[in-house]
Structures are given as structure tokens and as C-alpha cells.
Amino acid sequence: MTKTTKSNRMQKFSDRNKKFMAAKSSKSKGSGSAFTKSAASTNPNRPDPAGGKAGSQFRTKATINRINMYRAKPNLKKMKERPTDPEAGRI
């Protein structure tokens, strides 16, 4: 005896696979990146949160970089540390 139709199990698998592939292809029609762009206020390259609406207070890239620079404090202990090797600072 030969089977002319798919078994019930294969039919279910085929139906699920078609649904999965349809959902996958509809999701893949995006920007082409697996990563989303960070919208953190400290990111100078972030997208405009207001979407370009009039009257939005969006910091410029230079302002964000300046604020980040002020927040990054130097390590004073390491800066004032004196070398223990007498040959360390010589040319």
C-alpha cells in the first residue's frame, strides 16, 4: 500500500511551518539591524525622542559630549602617584 496523502502529523508540521515562515518574513521587513539604537540621554548619537516636533528641547550632540566630559572625573590618586622606579621617567 502506498500513501497518496500526507499523514496527519506531517500536515500539522507543514501548517505550523507555513505560519512561522510567514511571521518571520513579516518581521524581517525592518531597518536591517538586529540591534536597536540607544535612546539614553547620555548618548550623543541618539534619535530625537520627540520625532522632530516643534518646541522640543533636544540637546545637541556637542552639549551631550560636554556633559559626559564633566561627569567623567579623573582618578586623582593615580594622577598624583609617584613612580617607584628611578628610571621610569627618563628618556
PDB file of N, CA and C in Angstrom:
ATOM      1  N   MET A   1       0.829  -1.176   0.000  1.00  0.00           N
ATOM      2  CA  MET A   1       0.000   0.000   0.000  1.00  0.00           C
ATOM      3  C   MET A   1       0.881   1.251   0.000  1.00  0.00           C
ATOM      4  N   THR A   2       0.579   2.168  -0.872  1.00  0.00           N
ATOM      5  CA  THR A   2       1.304   3.431  -0.913  1.00  0.00           C
ATOM      6  C   THR A   2       0.393   4.539  -0.402  1.00  0.00           C
ATOM      7  N   LYS A   3       1.002   5.492   0.262  1.00  0.00           N
ATOM      8  CA  LYS A   3       0.228   6.617   0.785  1.00  0.00           C
ATOM      9  C   LYS A   3       0.211   7.711  -0.275  1.00  0.00           C
ATOM     10  N   THR A   4      -0.949   8.194  -0.587  1.00  0.00           N
ATOM     11  CA  THR A   4      -1.053   9.261  -1.579  1.00  0.00           C
ATOM     12  C   THR A   4      -1.231  10.623  -0.917  1.00  0.00           C
ATOM     13  N   THR A   5      -1.609  10.640   0.348  1.00  0.00           N
ATOM     14  CA  THR A   5      -1.777  11.912   1.065  1.00  0.00           C
ATOM     15  C   THR A   5      -0.797  11.971   2.229  1.00  0.00           C
ATOM     16  N   LYS A   6      -0.536  13.176   2.696  1.00  0.00           N
ATOM     17  CA  LYS A   6       0.358  13.349   3.834  1.00  0.00           C
ATOM     18  C   LYS A   6      -0.320  12.829   5.093  1.00  0.00           C
ATOM     19  N   SER A   7       0.511  12.334   5.988  1.00  0.00           N
ATOM     20  CA  SER A   7      -0.059  11.888   7.254  1.00  0.00           C
ATOM     21  C   SER A   7      -0.517  13.113   8.039  1.00  0.00           C
ATOM     22  N   ASN A   8      -1.322  12.878   9.037  1.00  0.00           N
ATOM     23  CA  ASN A   8      -1.860  13.970   9.855  1.00  0.00           C
ATOM     24  C   ASN A   8      -0.736  14.722  10.559  1.00  0.00           C
ATOM     25  N   ARG A   9       0.267  13.985  11.012  1.00  0.00           N
ATOM     26  CA  ARG A   9       1.400  14.599  11.706  1.00  0.00           C
ATOM     27  C   ARG A   9       2.186  15.526  10.773  1.00  0.00           C
ATOM     28  N   MET A  10       2.445  15.085   9.578  1.00  0.00           N
ATOM     29  CA  MET A  10       3.177  15.894   8.607  1.00  0.00           C
ATOM     30  C   MET A  10       2.362  17.115   8.192  1.00  0.00           C
ATOM     31  N   GLN A  11       1.050  16.955   8.118  1.00  0.00           N
ATOM     32  CA  GLN A  11       0.183  18.074   7.753  1.00  0.00           C
ATOM     33  C   GLN A  11       0.241  19.170   8.822  1.00  0.00           C
ATOM     34  N   LYS A  12       0.226  18.773  10.114  1.00  0.00           N
ATOM     35  CA  LYS A  12       0.311  19.743  11.202  1.00  0.00           C
ATOM     36  C   LYS A  12       1.651  20.470  11.165  1.00  0.00           C
ATOM     37  N   PHE A  13       2.723  19.708  10.929  1.00  0.00           N
ATOM     38  CA  PHE A  13       4.049  20.320  10.859  1.00  0.00           C
ATOM     39  C   PHE A  13       4.113  21.318   9.713  1.00  0.00           C
ATOM     40  N   SER A  14       3.589  20.951   8.587  1.00  0.00           N
ATOM     41  CA  SER A  14       3.608  21.824   7.418  1.00  0.00           C
ATOM     42  C   SER A  14       2.821  23.111   7.675  1.00  0.00           C
ATOM     43  N   ASP A  15       1.683  22.993   8.331  1.00  0.00           N
ATOM     44  CA  ASP A  15       0.867  24.173   8.644  1.00  0.00           C
ATOM     45  C   ASP A  15       1.597  25.109   9.616  1.00  0.00           C
ATOM     46  N   ARG A  16       2.201  24.523  10.640  1.00  0.00           N
ATOM     47  CA  ARG A  16       2.940  25.337  11.612  1.00  0.00           C
ATOM     48  C   ARG A  16       4.130  26.027  10.952  1.00  0.00           C
ATOM     49  N   ASN A  17       4.811  25.300  10.092  1.00  0.00           N
ATOM     50  CA  ASN A  17       5.980  25.859   9.424  1.00  0.00           C
ATOM     51  C   ASN A  17       5.579  27.023   8.508  1.00  0.00           C
ATOM     52  N   LYS A  18       4.468  26.902   7.824  1.00  0.00           N
ATOM     53  CA  LYS A  18       3.994  27.979   6.954  1.00  0.00           C
ATOM     54  C   LYS A  18       3.682  29.227   7.777  1.00  0.00           C
ATOM     55  N   LYS A  19       3.038  29.041   8.943  1.00  0.00           N
ATOM     56  CA  LYS A  19       2.707  30.168   9.810  1.00  0.00           C
ATOM     57  C   LYS A  19       3.983  30.822  10.337  1.00  0.00           C
ATOM     58  N   PHE A  20       4.938  29.987  10.741  1.00  0.00           N
ATOM     59  CA  PHE A  20       6.205  30.503  11.260  1.00  0.00           C
ATOM     60  C   PHE A  20       6.950  31.294  10.192  1.00  0.00           C
ATOM     61  N   MET A  21       7.040  30.763   9.005  1.00  0.00           N
ATOM     62  CA  MET A  21       7.766  31.435   7.927  1.00  0.00           C
ATOM     63  C   MET A  21       7.071  32.735   7.523  1.00  0.00           C
ATOM     64  N   ALA A  22       5.741  32.763   7.564  1.00  0.00           N
ATOM     65  CA  ALA A  22       5.003  33.981   7.236  1.00  0.00           C
ATOM     66  C   ALA A  22       5.272  35.062   8.291  1.00  0.00           C
ATOM     67  N   ALA A  23       5.281  34.665   9.570  1.00  0.00           N
ATOM     68  CA  ALA A  23       5.549  35.620  10.641  1.00  0.00           C
ATOM     69  C   ALA A  23       6.987  36.107  10.575  1.00  0.00           C
ATOM     70  N   LYS A  24       7.897  35.214  10.242  1.00  0.00           N
ATOM     71  CA  LYS A  24       9.307  35.584  10.164  1.00  0.00           C
ATOM     72  C   LYS A  24       9.558  36.574   9.030  1.00  0.00           C
ATOM     73  N   SER A  25       8.932  36.353   7.898  1.00  0.00           N
ATOM     74  CA  SER A  25       9.148  37.254   6.767  1.00  0.00           C
ATOM     75  C   SER A  25       8.509  38.624   7.014  1.00  0.00           C
ATOM     76  N   SER A  26       7.413  38.661   7.763  1.00  0.00           N
ATOM     77  CA  SER A  26       6.787  39.956   8.041  1.00  0.00           C
ATOM     78  C   SER A  26       7.617  40.761   9.039  1.00  0.00           C
ATOM     79  N   LYS A  27       8.322  40.086   9.962  1.00  0.00           N
ATOM     80  CA  LYS A  27       9.156  40.778  10.936  1.00  0.00           C
ATOM     81  C   LYS A  27      10.461  41.266  10.307  1.00  0.00           C
ATOM     82  N   SER A  28      10.928  40.584   9.291  1.00  0.00           N
ATOM     83  CA  SER A  28      12.233  40.915   8.731  1.00  0.00           C
ATOM     84  C   SER A  28      12.205  42.162   7.851  1.00  0.00           C
ATOM     85  N   LYS A  29      11.053  42.747   7.632  1.00  0.00           N
ATOM     86  CA  LYS A  29      10.955  43.937   6.789  1.00  0.00           C
ATOM     87  C   LYS A  29      11.179  45.188   7.620  1.00  0.00           C
ATOM     88  N   GLY A  30      12.331  45.254   8.306  1.00  0.00           N
ATOM     89  CA  GLY A  30      12.625  46.386   9.167  1.00  0.00           C
ATOM     90  C   GLY A  30      13.800  47.177   8.640  1.00  0.00           C
ATOM     91  N   SER A  31      14.538  47.751   9.570  1.00  0.00           N
ATOM     92  CA  SER A  31      15.661  48.598   9.205  1.00  0.00           C
ATOM     93  C   SER A  31      16.890  47.794   8.829  1.00  0.00           C
ATOM     94  N   GLY A  32      16.894  46.498   9.088  1.00  0.00           N
ATOM     95  CA  GLY A  32      18.012  45.662   8.705  1.00  0.00           C
ATOM     96  C   GLY A  32      19.053  45.511   9.790  1.00  0.00           C
ATOM     97  N   SER A  33      18.748  45.897  11.025  1.00  0.00           N
ATOM     98  CA  SER A  33      19.702  45.767  12.114  1.00  0.00           C
ATOM     99  C   SER A  33      19.086  44.932  13.224  1.00  0.00           C
ATOM    100  N   ALA A  34      19.925  44.092  13.829  1.00  0.00           N
ATOM    101  CA  ALA A  34      19.457  43.275  14.941  1.00  0.00           C
ATOM    102  C   ALA A  34      19.462  44.055  16.240  1.00  0.00           C
ATOM    103  N   PHE A  35      20.120  45.210  16.252  1.00  0.00           N
ATOM    104  CA  PHE A  35      20.237  46.000  17.468  1.00  0.00           C
ATOM    105  C   PHE A  35      19.421  47.271  17.342  1.00  0.00           C
ATOM    106  N   THR A  36      18.798  47.658  18.448  1.00  0.00           N
ATOM    107  CA  THR A  36      18.048  48.904  18.451  1.00  0.00           C
ATOM    108  C   THR A  36      18.972  50.034  18.882  1.00  0.00           C
ATOM    109  N   LYS A  37      18.726  51.209  18.369  1.00  0.00           N
ATOM    110  CA  LYS A  37      19.559  52.357  18.698  1.00  0.00           C
ATOM    111  C   LYS A  37      19.219  52.837  20.098  1.00  0.00           C
ATOM    112  N   SER A  38      20.227  53.091  20.898  1.00  0.00           N
ATOM    113  CA  SER A  38      20.033  53.505  22.280  1.00  0.00           C
ATOM    114  C   SER A  38      19.402  54.891  22.339  1.00  0.00           C
ATOM    115  N   ALA A  39      18.431  55.051  23.206  1.00  0.00           N
ATOM    116  CA  ALA A  39      17.765  56.344  23.377  1.00  0.00           C
ATOM    117  C   ALA A  39      18.146  56.975  24.703  1.00  0.00           C
ATOM    118  N   ALA A  40      19.285  56.559  25.291  1.00  0.00           N
ATOM    119  CA  ALA A  40      19.722  57.106  26.570  1.00  0.00           C
ATOM    120  C   ALA A  40      20.080  58.580  26.413  1.00  0.00           C
ATOM    121  N   SER A  41      19.840  59.347  27.450  1.00  0.00           N
ATOM    122  CA  SER A  41      20.101  60.780  27.370  1.00  0.00           C
ATOM    123  C   SER A  41      21.587  61.092  27.293  1.00  0.00           C
ATOM    124  N   THR A  42      22.448  60.131  27.641  1.00  0.00           N
ATOM    125  CA  THR A  42      23.891  60.338  27.582  1.00  0.00           C
ATOM    126  C   THR A  42      24.496  59.930  26.247  1.00  0.00           C
ATOM    127  N   ASN A  43      23.684  59.423  25.331  1.00  0.00           N
ATOM    128  CA  ASN A  43      24.171  59.003  24.020  1.00  0.00           C
ATOM    129  C   ASN A  43      24.084  60.180  23.052  1.00  0.00           C
ATOM    130  N   PRO A  44      25.227  60.683  22.557  1.00  0.00           N
ATOM    131  CA  PRO A  44      25.171  61.831  21.645  1.00  0.00           C
ATOM    132  C   PRO A  44      24.581  61.499  20.278  1.00  0.00           C
ATOM    133  N   ASN A  45      24.540  60.225  19.920  1.00  0.00           N
ATOM    134  CA  ASN A  45      24.013  59.817  18.615  1.00  0.00           C
ATOM    135  C   ASN A  45      22.591  59.274  18.698  1.00  0.00           C
ATOM    136  N   ARG A  46      21.887  59.592  19.766  1.00  0.00           N
ATOM    137  CA  ARG A  46      20.535  59.047  19.940  1.00  0.00           C
ATOM    138  C   ARG A  46      19.548  59.715  18.982  1.00  0.00           C
ATOM    139  N   PRO A  47      18.466  59.005  18.682  1.00  0.00           N
ATOM    140  CA  PRO A  47      17.439  59.614  17.833  1.00  0.00           C
ATOM    141  C   PRO A  47      16.638  60.654  18.618  1.00  0.00           C
ATOM    142  N   ASP A  48      16.036  61.574  17.902  1.00  0.00           N
ATOM    143  CA  ASP A  48      15.238  62.621  18.535  1.00  0.00           C
ATOM    144  C   ASP A  48      14.024  61.991  19.209  1.00  0.00           C
ATOM    145  N   PRO A  49      13.894  62.120  20.548  1.00  0.00           N
ATOM    146  CA  PRO A  49      12.769  61.483  21.236  1.00  0.00           C
ATOM    147  C   PRO A  49      11.420  62.078  20.851  1.00  0.00           C
ATOM    148  N   ALA A  50      11.398  63.341  20.437  1.00  0.00           N
ATOM    149  CA  ALA A  50      10.135  63.979  20.076  1.00  0.00           C
ATOM    150  C   ALA A  50       9.797  63.735  18.609  1.00  0.00           C
ATOM    151  N   GLY A  51      10.716  63.168  17.875  1.00  0.00           N
ATOM    152  CA  GLY A  51      10.457  62.886  16.467  1.00  0.00           C
ATOM    153  C   GLY A  51      10.458  64.130  15.598  1.00  0.00           C
ATOM    154  N   GLY A  52      11.131  65.183  16.015  1.00  0.00           N
ATOM    155  CA  GLY A  52      11.215  66.403  15.211  1.00  0.00           C
ATOM    156  C   GLY A  52      10.056  67.354  15.377  1.00  0.00           C
ATOM    157  N   LYS A  53       9.256  67.168  16.425  1.00  0.00           N
ATOM    158  CA  LYS A  53       8.124  68.063  16.665  1.00  0.00           C
ATOM    159  C   LYS A  53       8.626  69.443  17.094  1.00  0.00           C
ATOM    160  N   ALA A  54       7.874  70.449  16.767  1.00  0.00           N
ATOM    161  CA  ALA A  54       8.255  71.822  17.120  1.00  0.00           C
ATOM    162  C   ALA A  54       8.182  72.020  18.631  1.00  0.00           C
ATOM    163  N   GLY A  55       9.143  72.772  19.175  1.00  0.00           N
ATOM    164  CA  GLY A  55       9.136  73.089  20.588  1.00  0.00           C
ATOM    165  C   GLY A  55       9.781  72.050  21.478  1.00  0.00           C
ATOM    166  N   SER A  56      10.402  71.038  20.916  1.00  0.00           N
ATOM    167  CA  SER A  56      11.035  70.020  21.752  1.00  0.00           C
ATOM    168  C   SER A  56      12.400  70.520  22.205  1.00  0.00           C
ATOM    169  N   GLN A  57      12.772  70.202  23.431  1.00  0.00           N
ATOM    170  CA  GLN A  57      14.059  70.600  23.993  1.00  0.00           C
ATOM    171  C   GLN A  57      15.028  69.433  23.843  1.00  0.00           C
ATOM    172  N   PHE A  58      15.641  69.347  22.683  1.00  0.00           N
ATOM    173  CA  PHE A  58      16.557  68.253  22.382  1.00  0.00           C
ATOM    174  C   PHE A  58      17.984  68.773  22.458  1.00  0.00           C
ATOM    175  N   ARG A  59      18.807  68.170  23.334  1.00  0.00           N
ATOM    176  CA  ARG A  59      20.191  68.625  23.481  1.00  0.00           C
ATOM    177  C   ARG A  59      20.988  68.309  22.218  1.00  0.00           C
ATOM    178  N   THR A  60      21.903  69.200  21.896  1.00  0.00           N
ATOM    179  CA  THR A  60      22.757  68.970  20.726  1.00  0.00           C
ATOM    180  C   THR A  60      23.818  67.937  21.068  1.00  0.00           C
ATOM    181  N   LYS A  61      24.457  67.419  20.047  1.00  0.00           N
ATOM    182  CA  LYS A  61      25.499  66.417  20.224  1.00  0.00           C
ATOM    183  C   LYS A  61      26.657  66.984  21.040  1.00  0.00           C
ATOM    184  N   ALA A  62      27.015  68.238  20.769  1.00  0.00           N
ATOM    185  CA  ALA A  62      28.116  68.877  21.494  1.00  0.00           C
ATOM    186  C   ALA A  62      27.784  69.052  22.972  1.00  0.00           C
ATOM    187  N   THR A  63      26.540  69.396  23.284  1.00  0.00           N
ATOM    188  CA  THR A  63      26.131  69.576  24.675  1.00  0.00           C
ATOM    189  C   THR A  63      26.202  68.261  25.432  1.00  0.00           C
ATOM    190  N   ILE A  64      25.736  67.177  24.810  1.00  0.00           N
ATOM    191  CA  ILE A  64      25.774  65.863  25.461  1.00  0.00           C
ATOM    192  C   ILE A  64      27.215  65.426  25.689  1.00  0.00           C
ATOM    193  N   ASN A  65      28.088  65.662  24.703  1.00  0.00           N
ATOM    194  CA  ASN A  65      29.503  65.308  24.863  1.00  0.00           C
ATOM    195  C   ASN A  65      30.148  66.116  25.989  1.00  0.00           C
ATOM    196  N   ARG A  66      29.799  67.393  26.107  1.00  0.00           N
ATOM    197  CA  ARG A  66      30.357  68.245  27.149  1.00  0.00           C
ATOM    198  C   ARG A  66      29.898  67.776  28.533  1.00  0.00           C
ATOM    199  N   ILE A  67      28.638  67.439  28.677  1.00  0.00           N
ATOM    200  CA  ILE A  67      28.117  66.951  29.957  1.00  0.00           C
ATOM    201  C   ILE A  67      28.787  65.633  30.338  1.00  0.00           C
ATOM    202  N   ASN A  68      28.967  64.748  29.360  1.00  0.00           N
ATOM    203  CA  ASN A  68      29.651  63.479  29.622  1.00  0.00           C
ATOM    204  C   ASN A  68      31.097  63.715  30.052  1.00  0.00           C
ATOM    205  N   MET A  69      31.760  64.705  29.466  1.00  0.00           N
ATOM    206  CA  MET A  69      33.133  65.020  29.815  1.00  0.00           C
ATOM    207  C   MET A  69      33.218  65.525  31.256  1.00  0.00           C
ATOM    208  N   TYR A  70      32.300  66.389  31.666  1.00  0.00           N
ATOM    209  CA  TYR A  70      32.319  66.905  33.028  1.00  0.00           C
ATOM    210  C   TYR A  70      32.038  65.800  34.048  1.00  0.00           C
ATOM    211  N   ARG A  71      31.238  64.841  33.666  1.00  0.00           N
ATOM    212  CA  ARG A  71      30.872  63.780  34.605  1.00  0.00           C
ATOM    213  C   ARG A  71      32.002  62.768  34.786  1.00  0.00           C
ATOM    214  N   ALA A  72      32.832  62.585  33.761  1.00  0.00           N
ATOM    215  CA  ALA A  72      33.942  61.637  33.834  1.00  0.00           C
ATOM    216  C   ALA A  72      35.094  62.286  34.584  1.00  0.00           C
ATOM    217  N   LYS A  73      35.185  62.022  35.872  1.00  0.00           N
ATOM    218  CA  LYS A  73      36.216  62.629  36.707  1.00  0.00           C
ATOM    219  C   LYS A  73      37.515  61.830  36.607  1.00  0.00           C
ATOM    220  N   PRO A  74      38.667  62.525  36.649  1.00  0.00           N
ATOM    221  CA  PRO A  74      39.937  61.792  36.602  1.00  0.00           C
ATOM    222  C   PRO A  74      40.222  61.110  37.928  1.00  0.00           C
ATOM    223  N   ASN A  75      41.051  60.083  37.889  1.00  0.00           N
ATOM    224  CA  ASN A  75      41.458  59.366  39.086  1.00  0.00           C
ATOM    225  C   ASN A  75      42.618  60.140  39.716  1.00  0.00           C
ATOM    226  N   LEU A  76      42.332  60.965  40.725  1.00  0.00           N
ATOM    227  CA  LEU A  76      43.342  61.829  41.325  1.00  0.00           C
ATOM    228  C   LEU A  76      44.438  61.033  42.016  1.00  0.00           C
ATOM    229  N   LYS A  77      44.080  59.925  42.620  1.00  0.00           N
ATOM    230  CA  LYS A  77      45.068  59.104  43.315  1.00  0.00           C
ATOM    231  C   LYS A  77      46.112  58.581  42.330  1.00  0.00           C
ATOM    232  N   LYS A  78      45.643  58.108  41.192  1.00  0.00           N
ATOM    233  CA  LYS A  78      46.560  57.595  40.175  1.00  0.00           C
ATOM    234  C   LYS A  78      47.341  58.738  39.528  1.00  0.00           C
ATOM    235  N   MET A  79      46.731  59.900  39.387  1.00  0.00           N
ATOM    236  CA  MET A  79      47.375  61.031  38.748  1.00  0.00           C
ATOM    237  C   MET A  79      48.528  61.573  39.605  1.00  0.00           C
ATOM    238  N   LYS A  80      48.347  61.568  40.930  1.00  0.00           N
ATOM    239  CA  LYS A  80      49.360  62.103  41.831  1.00  0.00           C
ATOM    240  C   LYS A  80      50.372  61.056  42.279  1.00  0.00           C
ATOM    241  N   GLU A  81      50.197  59.830  41.838  1.00  0.00           N
ATOM    242  CA  GLU A  81      51.098  58.751  42.220  1.00  0.00           C
ATOM    243  C   GLU A  81      52.488  58.991  41.641  1.00  0.00           C
ATOM    244  N   ARG A  82      53.502  58.791  42.465  1.00  0.00           N
ATOM    245  CA  ARG A  82      54.884  58.987  42.013  1.00  0.00           C
ATOM    246  C   ARG A  82      55.459  57.646  41.610  1.00  0.00           C
ATOM    247  N   PRO A  83      56.263  57.616  40.566  1.00  0.00           N
ATOM    248  CA  PRO A  83      56.852  56.346  40.146  1.00  0.00           C
ATOM    249  C   PRO A  83      57.856  55.834  41.184  1.00  0.00           C
ATOM    250  N   THR A  84      57.889  54.535  41.371  1.00  0.00           N
ATOM    251  CA  THR A  84      58.824  53.931  42.328  1.00  0.00           C
ATOM    252  C   THR A  84      60.135  53.558  41.645  1.00  0.00           C
ATOM    253  N   ASP A  85      60.112  53.430  40.328  1.00  0.00           N
ATOM    254  CA  ASP A  85      61.307  53.090  39.572  1.00  0.00           C
ATOM    255  C   ASP A  85      62.035  54.385  39.201  1.00  0.00           C
ATOM    256  N   PRO A  86      63.311  54.552  39.588  1.00  0.00           N
ATOM    257  CA  PRO A  86      64.012  55.797  39.271  1.00  0.00           C
ATOM    258  C   PRO A  86      64.267  55.987  37.773  1.00  0.00           C
ATOM    259  N   GLU A  87      64.221  54.932  36.990  1.00  0.00           N
ATOM    260  CA  GLU A  87      64.464  55.032  35.549  1.00  0.00           C
ATOM    261  C   GLU A  87      63.171  55.236  34.760  1.00  0.00           C
ATOM    262  N   ALA A  88      62.016  55.294  35.436  1.00  0.00           N
ATOM    263  CA  ALA A  88      60.719  55.306  34.757  1.00  0.00           C
ATOM    264  C   ALA A  88      60.488  56.565  33.935  1.00  0.00           C
ATOM    265  N   GLY A  89      60.897  57.741  34.422  1.00  0.00           N
ATOM    266  CA  GLY A  89      60.588  58.978  33.737  1.00  0.00           C
ATOM    267  C   GLY A  89      61.686  59.490  32.833  1.00  0.00           C
ATOM    268  N   ARG A  90      62.772  58.774  32.717  1.00  0.00           N
ATOM    269  CA  ARG A  90      63.906  59.251  31.929  1.00  0.00           C
ATOM    270  C   ARG A  90      63.838  58.774  30.499  1.00  0.00           C
ATOM    271  N   ILE A  91      64.442  59.582  29.667  1.00  0.00           N
ATOM    272  CA  ILE A  91      64.467  59.236  28.237  1.00  0.00           C
ATOM    273  C   ILE A  91      65.782  58.581  27.897  1.00  0.00           C
TER     274      ILE A  91
END
